[in-house]
Structures are given as structure tokens and as C-alpha cells.
Amino acid sequence: MRAVIDTNVLISGFISSRSSPAKVVDLWIAGKFEPVVCRGIIEEYSSVLIRDRFSVLGSVEERLDALSKLLSLGHVVLVAPQQKLDVIKDDPKDNIFLECAVEGRCKLIVSDDRHLLGLKEYTGIKIVDAKEFLNLIQTF
């Protein structure tokens, strides 16, 4: 099963080892689903991860190294979205997650972002929080 993981879920998973987002990251590492990313999402992951407030996770180099290792796993799918979307008007940068999910033919987007979660679904792609993802992944 393919899924796009929003930045907030990934970063939360790095920070809190017992949270639902951490379990999503664990499933990513274990290869229990195919994470789909694109250049724009990777750039966002990186730019957020290097913020000073995440220094608890180590040096900038250590944080980027951890991200690089996660992205280099063999089951990670890299796509190049061909279609620009303008679905989320209140926070247009969130459209990249939709674009990536469409291009990657994903079943799910996992997010804690209210703009994305408010959609609930886009062209058959369910938008769920980390806890719901953990419940759904057992059925796939």
C-alpha cells in the first residue's frame, strides 16, 4: 500500500518515540507500506527538520542524515508530480501532498494538518491522521 506522510507526522514521529506518528515511522522503516515522496516534500521535510526547535534530535547533520537514511530505503517511491493542484486555498503549500499522492497512485495521505484532514478524501485518496492510519494498515 502506498501512502504520503505529511511533514508534521514525520517530525512528530522523530520526537515522540511512543506516539502514533512514531509508530508510522516504525512501519516506514519496517517496510510495511510504500512511502511516496517527491522533491518538494523532501525539501519540506529537510527545511522543517533543521529548525532550531528540533535540536533535541541532534545536530543539523545528524537530523539530515537520519532523514536521508529513511528516504534511501528501497521501498520508498520517488515521484515527480506532473499536475499542479489548487485544492487547499487556505494553505496552498499543502497541495504538494495531494499532487504527490495523485502521481504516486496512493491510497492514503497521513497528516495532522487541519486543512488536509478537513478534505477527508481527494479523488479516492483517503486523508487520515496517524492513529487512523495505524488502524487502516492492519486491513491492507
C-alpha atoms as a PDB file:
ATOM      1  CA  MET A   1       0.000   0.000   0.000  1.00  0.00           C
ATOM      2  CA  ARG A   2       1.273   3.444  -0.918  1.00  0.00           C
ATOM      3  CA  ALA A   3       0.915   6.474   1.344  1.00  0.00           C
ATOM      4  CA  VAL A   4       2.185  10.045   1.551  1.00  0.00           C
ATOM      5  CA  ILE A   5       3.329  11.048   5.030  1.00  0.00           C
ATOM      6  CA  ASP A   6       2.900  14.719   5.881  1.00  0.00           C
ATOM      7  CA  THR A   7       5.809  16.575   7.457  1.00  0.00           C
ATOM      8  CA  ASN A   8       4.030  17.028  10.782  1.00  0.00           C
ATOM      9  CA  VAL A   9       3.579  13.266  11.197  1.00  0.00           C
ATOM     10  CA  LEU A  10       7.186  12.519  10.265  1.00  0.00           C
ATOM     11  CA  ILE A  11       8.661  15.125  12.623  1.00  0.00           C
ATOM     12  CA  SER A  12       6.306  14.141  15.456  1.00  0.00           C
ATOM     13  CA  GLY A  13       7.393  10.556  14.920  1.00  0.00           C
ATOM     14  CA  PHE A  14      11.034  11.541  15.321  1.00  0.00           C
ATOM     15  CA  ILE A  15      10.307  13.475  18.529  1.00  0.00           C
ATOM     16  CA  SER A  16       7.981  11.208  20.486  1.00  0.00           C
ATOM     17  CA  SER A  17       9.007   7.555  20.382  1.00  0.00           C
ATOM     18  CA  ARG A  18       5.742   6.205  21.800  1.00  0.00           C
ATOM     19  CA  SER A  19       3.275   8.268  19.779  1.00  0.00           C
ATOM     20  CA  SER A  20       1.109   7.196  16.856  1.00  0.00           C
ATOM     21  CA  PRO A  21       3.364   9.186  14.468  1.00  0.00           C
ATOM     22  CA  ALA A  22       6.369   7.268  15.851  1.00  0.00           C
ATOM     23  CA  LYS A  23       4.599   4.013  15.026  1.00  0.00           C
ATOM     24  CA  VAL A  24       4.028   5.324  11.481  1.00  0.00           C
ATOM     25  CA  VAL A  25       7.781   5.982  11.180  1.00  0.00           C
ATOM     26  CA  ASP A  26       8.474   2.494  12.582  1.00  0.00           C
ATOM     27  CA  LEU A  27       6.203   0.967   9.919  1.00  0.00           C
ATOM     28  CA  TRP A  28       8.006   3.061   7.267  1.00  0.00           C
ATOM     29  CA  ILE A  29      11.364   1.647   8.438  1.00  0.00           C
ATOM     30  CA  ALA A  30       9.964  -1.892   8.604  1.00  0.00           C
ATOM     31  CA  GLY A  31       8.671  -1.682   5.020  1.00  0.00           C
ATOM     32  CA  LYS A  32       5.036  -2.249   5.973  1.00  0.00           C
ATOM     33  CA  PHE A  33       3.892   0.308   3.381  1.00  0.00           C
ATOM     34  CA  GLU A  34       5.407   2.212   0.475  1.00  0.00           C
ATOM     35  CA  PRO A  35       6.050   5.834   1.439  1.00  0.00           C
ATOM     36  CA  VAL A  36       5.684   8.103  -1.590  1.00  0.00           C
ATOM     37  CA  VAL A  37       7.683  11.325  -1.748  1.00  0.00           C
ATOM     38  CA  CYS A  38       8.574  13.970  -4.292  1.00  0.00           C
ATOM     39  CA  ARG A  39      11.287  16.592  -4.415  1.00  0.00           C
ATOM     40  CA  GLY A  40       9.035  19.272  -2.861  1.00  0.00           C
ATOM     41  CA  ILE A  41       8.095  17.071   0.087  1.00  0.00           C
ATOM     42  CA  ILE A  42      11.722  16.086   0.675  1.00  0.00           C
ATOM     43  CA  GLU A  43      12.642  19.781   0.673  1.00  0.00           C
ATOM     44  CA  GLU A  44       9.902  20.497   3.206  1.00  0.00           C
ATOM     45  CA  TYR A  45      10.951  17.577   5.428  1.00  0.00           C
ATOM     46  CA  SER A  46      14.517  18.949   5.377  1.00  0.00           C
ATOM     47  CA  SER A  47      13.665  22.601   5.931  1.00  0.00           C
ATOM     48  CA  VAL A  48      11.466  21.811   8.936  1.00  0.00           C
ATOM     49  CA  LEU A  49      13.854  19.280  10.426  1.00  0.00           C
ATOM     50  CA  ILE A  50      16.764  21.754  10.520  1.00  0.00           C
ATOM     51  CA  ARG A  51      14.843  24.328  12.572  1.00  0.00           C
ATOM     52  CA  ASP A  52      16.454  25.188  15.904  1.00  0.00           C
ATOM     53  CA  ARG A  53      13.497  23.929  17.889  1.00  0.00           C
ATOM     54  CA  PHE A  54      14.280  20.381  16.752  1.00  0.00           C
ATOM     55  CA  SER A  55      17.862  20.477  18.061  1.00  0.00           C
ATOM     56  CA  VAL A  56      16.778  17.950  20.696  1.00  0.00           C
ATOM     57  CA  LEU A  57      17.051  15.405  17.855  1.00  0.00           C
ATOM     58  CA  GLY A  58      20.765  16.087  17.399  1.00  0.00           C
ATOM     59  CA  SER A  59      22.892  18.318  15.233  1.00  0.00           C
ATOM     60  CA  VAL A  60      21.601  19.517  11.874  1.00  0.00           C
ATOM     61  CA  GLU A  61      23.900  16.970  10.209  1.00  0.00           C
ATOM     62  CA  GLU A  62      22.550  14.136  12.377  1.00  0.00           C
ATOM     63  CA  ARG A  63      18.949  15.112  11.653  1.00  0.00           C
ATOM     64  CA  LEU A  64      19.523  15.311   7.909  1.00  0.00           C
ATOM     65  CA  ASP A  65      21.448  12.031   7.998  1.00  0.00           C
ATOM     66  CA  ALA A  66      18.528  10.302   9.741  1.00  0.00           C
ATOM     67  CA  LEU A  67      16.150  11.701   7.107  1.00  0.00           C
ATOM     68  CA  SER A  68      18.464  10.625   4.300  1.00  0.00           C
ATOM     69  CA  LYS A  69      18.596   7.075   5.657  1.00  0.00           C
ATOM     70  CA  LEU A  70      14.812   6.965   5.878  1.00  0.00           C
ATOM     71  CA  LEU A  71      14.423   8.223   2.313  1.00  0.00           C
ATOM     72  CA  SER A  72      17.048   5.843   0.926  1.00  0.00           C
ATOM     73  CA  LEU A  73      15.194   2.697   1.996  1.00  0.00           C
ATOM     74  CA  GLY A  74      14.445   0.510  -1.015  1.00  0.00           C
ATOM     75  CA  HIS A  75      10.663   0.644  -0.708  1.00  0.00           C
ATOM     76  CA  VAL A  76      10.423   4.462  -0.756  1.00  0.00           C
ATOM     77  CA  VAL A  77       8.823   5.646  -4.010  1.00  0.00           C
ATOM     78  CA  LEU A  78      10.038   8.924  -5.534  1.00  0.00           C
ATOM     79  CA  VAL A  79       7.627  10.593  -7.957  1.00  0.00           C
ATOM     80  CA  ALA A  80       7.648  13.815  -9.962  1.00  0.00           C
ATOM     81  CA  PRO A  81       4.117  15.265  -9.914  1.00  0.00           C
ATOM     82  CA  GLN A  82       3.047  16.436 -13.364  1.00  0.00           C
ATOM     83  CA  GLN A  83      -0.134  18.162 -12.251  1.00  0.00           C
ATOM     84  CA  LYS A  84      -0.328  21.332 -10.139  1.00  0.00           C
ATOM     85  CA  LEU A  85      -3.369  21.401  -7.874  1.00  0.00           C
ATOM     86  CA  ASP A  86      -5.138  24.328  -6.242  1.00  0.00           C
ATOM     87  CA  VAL A  87      -7.450  22.468  -3.877  1.00  0.00           C
ATOM     88  CA  ILE A  88      -6.401  23.805  -0.478  1.00  0.00           C
ATOM     89  CA  LYS A  89      -6.927  27.545  -0.718  1.00  0.00           C
ATOM     90  CA  ASP A  90      -6.190  28.396   2.948  1.00  0.00           C
ATOM     91  CA  ASP A  91      -2.709  26.835   2.861  1.00  0.00           C
ATOM     92  CA  PRO A  92      -1.635  26.332  -0.776  1.00  0.00           C
ATOM     93  CA  LYS A  93       1.687  24.689   0.144  1.00  0.00           C
ATOM     94  CA  ASP A  94      -0.322  21.687   1.390  1.00  0.00           C
ATOM     95  CA  ASN A  95      -1.341  20.971  -2.208  1.00  0.00           C
ATOM     96  CA  ILE A  96       2.017  19.290  -2.758  1.00  0.00           C
ATOM     97  CA  PHE A  97       0.893  16.345  -0.625  1.00  0.00           C
ATOM     98  CA  LEU A  98      -2.164  15.910  -2.845  1.00  0.00           C
ATOM     99  CA  GLU A  99      -0.052  16.246  -6.002  1.00  0.00           C
ATOM    100  CA  CYS A 100       2.390  13.624  -4.770  1.00  0.00           C
ATOM    101  CA  ALA A 101      -0.374  11.222  -3.711  1.00  0.00           C
ATOM    102  CA  VAL A 102      -2.127  11.530  -7.081  1.00  0.00           C
ATOM    103  CA  GLU A 103       1.094  10.980  -9.038  1.00  0.00           C
ATOM    104  CA  GLY A 104       2.091   8.061  -6.811  1.00  0.00           C
ATOM    105  CA  ARG A 105      -1.344   6.430  -7.015  1.00  0.00           C
ATOM    106  CA  CYS A 106      -1.595   6.374  -3.235  1.00  0.00           C
ATOM    107  CA  LYS A 107      -4.439   5.058  -1.141  1.00  0.00           C
ATOM    108  CA  LEU A 108      -3.728   7.374   1.805  1.00  0.00           C
ATOM    109  CA  ILE A 109      -2.262  10.659   2.965  1.00  0.00           C
ATOM    110  CA  VAL A 110      -1.302  10.613   6.644  1.00  0.00           C
ATOM    111  CA  SER A 111      -1.452  14.064   8.219  1.00  0.00           C
ATOM    112  CA  ASP A 112      -2.268  16.018  11.343  1.00  0.00           C
ATOM    113  CA  ASP A 113      -2.853  19.178   9.291  1.00  0.00           C
ATOM    114  CA  ARG A 114      -6.395  20.502   9.665  1.00  0.00           C
ATOM    115  CA  HIS A 115      -6.551  21.705   6.051  1.00  0.00           C
ATOM    116  CA  LEU A 116      -5.751  18.265   4.683  1.00  0.00           C
ATOM    117  CA  LEU A 117      -7.811  16.377   7.264  1.00  0.00           C
ATOM    118  CA  GLY A 118     -10.746  18.660   6.502  1.00  0.00           C
ATOM    119  CA  LEU A 119     -10.866  17.270   2.966  1.00  0.00           C
ATOM    120  CA  LYS A 120     -11.211  13.707   4.292  1.00  0.00           C
ATOM    121  CA  GLU A 121     -10.666  12.395   0.754  1.00  0.00           C
ATOM    122  CA  TYR A 122      -9.412  13.573  -2.612  1.00  0.00           C
ATOM    123  CA  THR A 123     -10.079  11.608  -5.823  1.00  0.00           C
ATOM    124  CA  GLY A 124     -10.355   8.370  -3.870  1.00  0.00           C
ATOM    125  CA  ILE A 125      -7.297   9.062  -1.686  1.00  0.00           C
ATOM    126  CA  LYS A 126      -8.260   8.970   1.991  1.00  0.00           C
ATOM    127  CA  ILE A 127      -6.725  11.603   4.252  1.00  0.00           C
ATOM    128  CA  VAL A 128      -6.296  10.278   7.777  1.00  0.00           C
ATOM    129  CA  ASP A 129      -4.409  11.048  10.968  1.00  0.00           C
ATOM    130  CA  ALA A 130      -1.661   8.774  12.281  1.00  0.00           C
ATOM    131  CA  LYS A 131      -3.942   6.882  14.651  1.00  0.00           C
ATOM    132  CA  GLU A 132      -6.445   6.078  11.907  1.00  0.00           C
ATOM    133  CA  PHE A 133      -3.590   5.056   9.596  1.00  0.00           C
ATOM    134  CA  LEU A 134      -2.412   2.524  12.177  1.00  0.00           C
ATOM    135  CA  ASN A 135      -5.905   1.035  12.276  1.00  0.00           C
ATOM    136  CA  LEU A 136      -6.268   1.002   8.482  1.00  0.00           C
ATOM    137  CA  ILE A 137      -2.872  -0.505   7.702  1.00  0.00           C
ATOM    138  CA  GLN A 138      -3.882  -3.691   9.510  1.00  0.00           C
ATOM    139  CA  THR A 139      -6.647  -4.209   6.941  1.00  0.00           C
ATOM    140  CA  PHE A 140      -4.355  -3.932   3.890  1.00  0.00           C
END
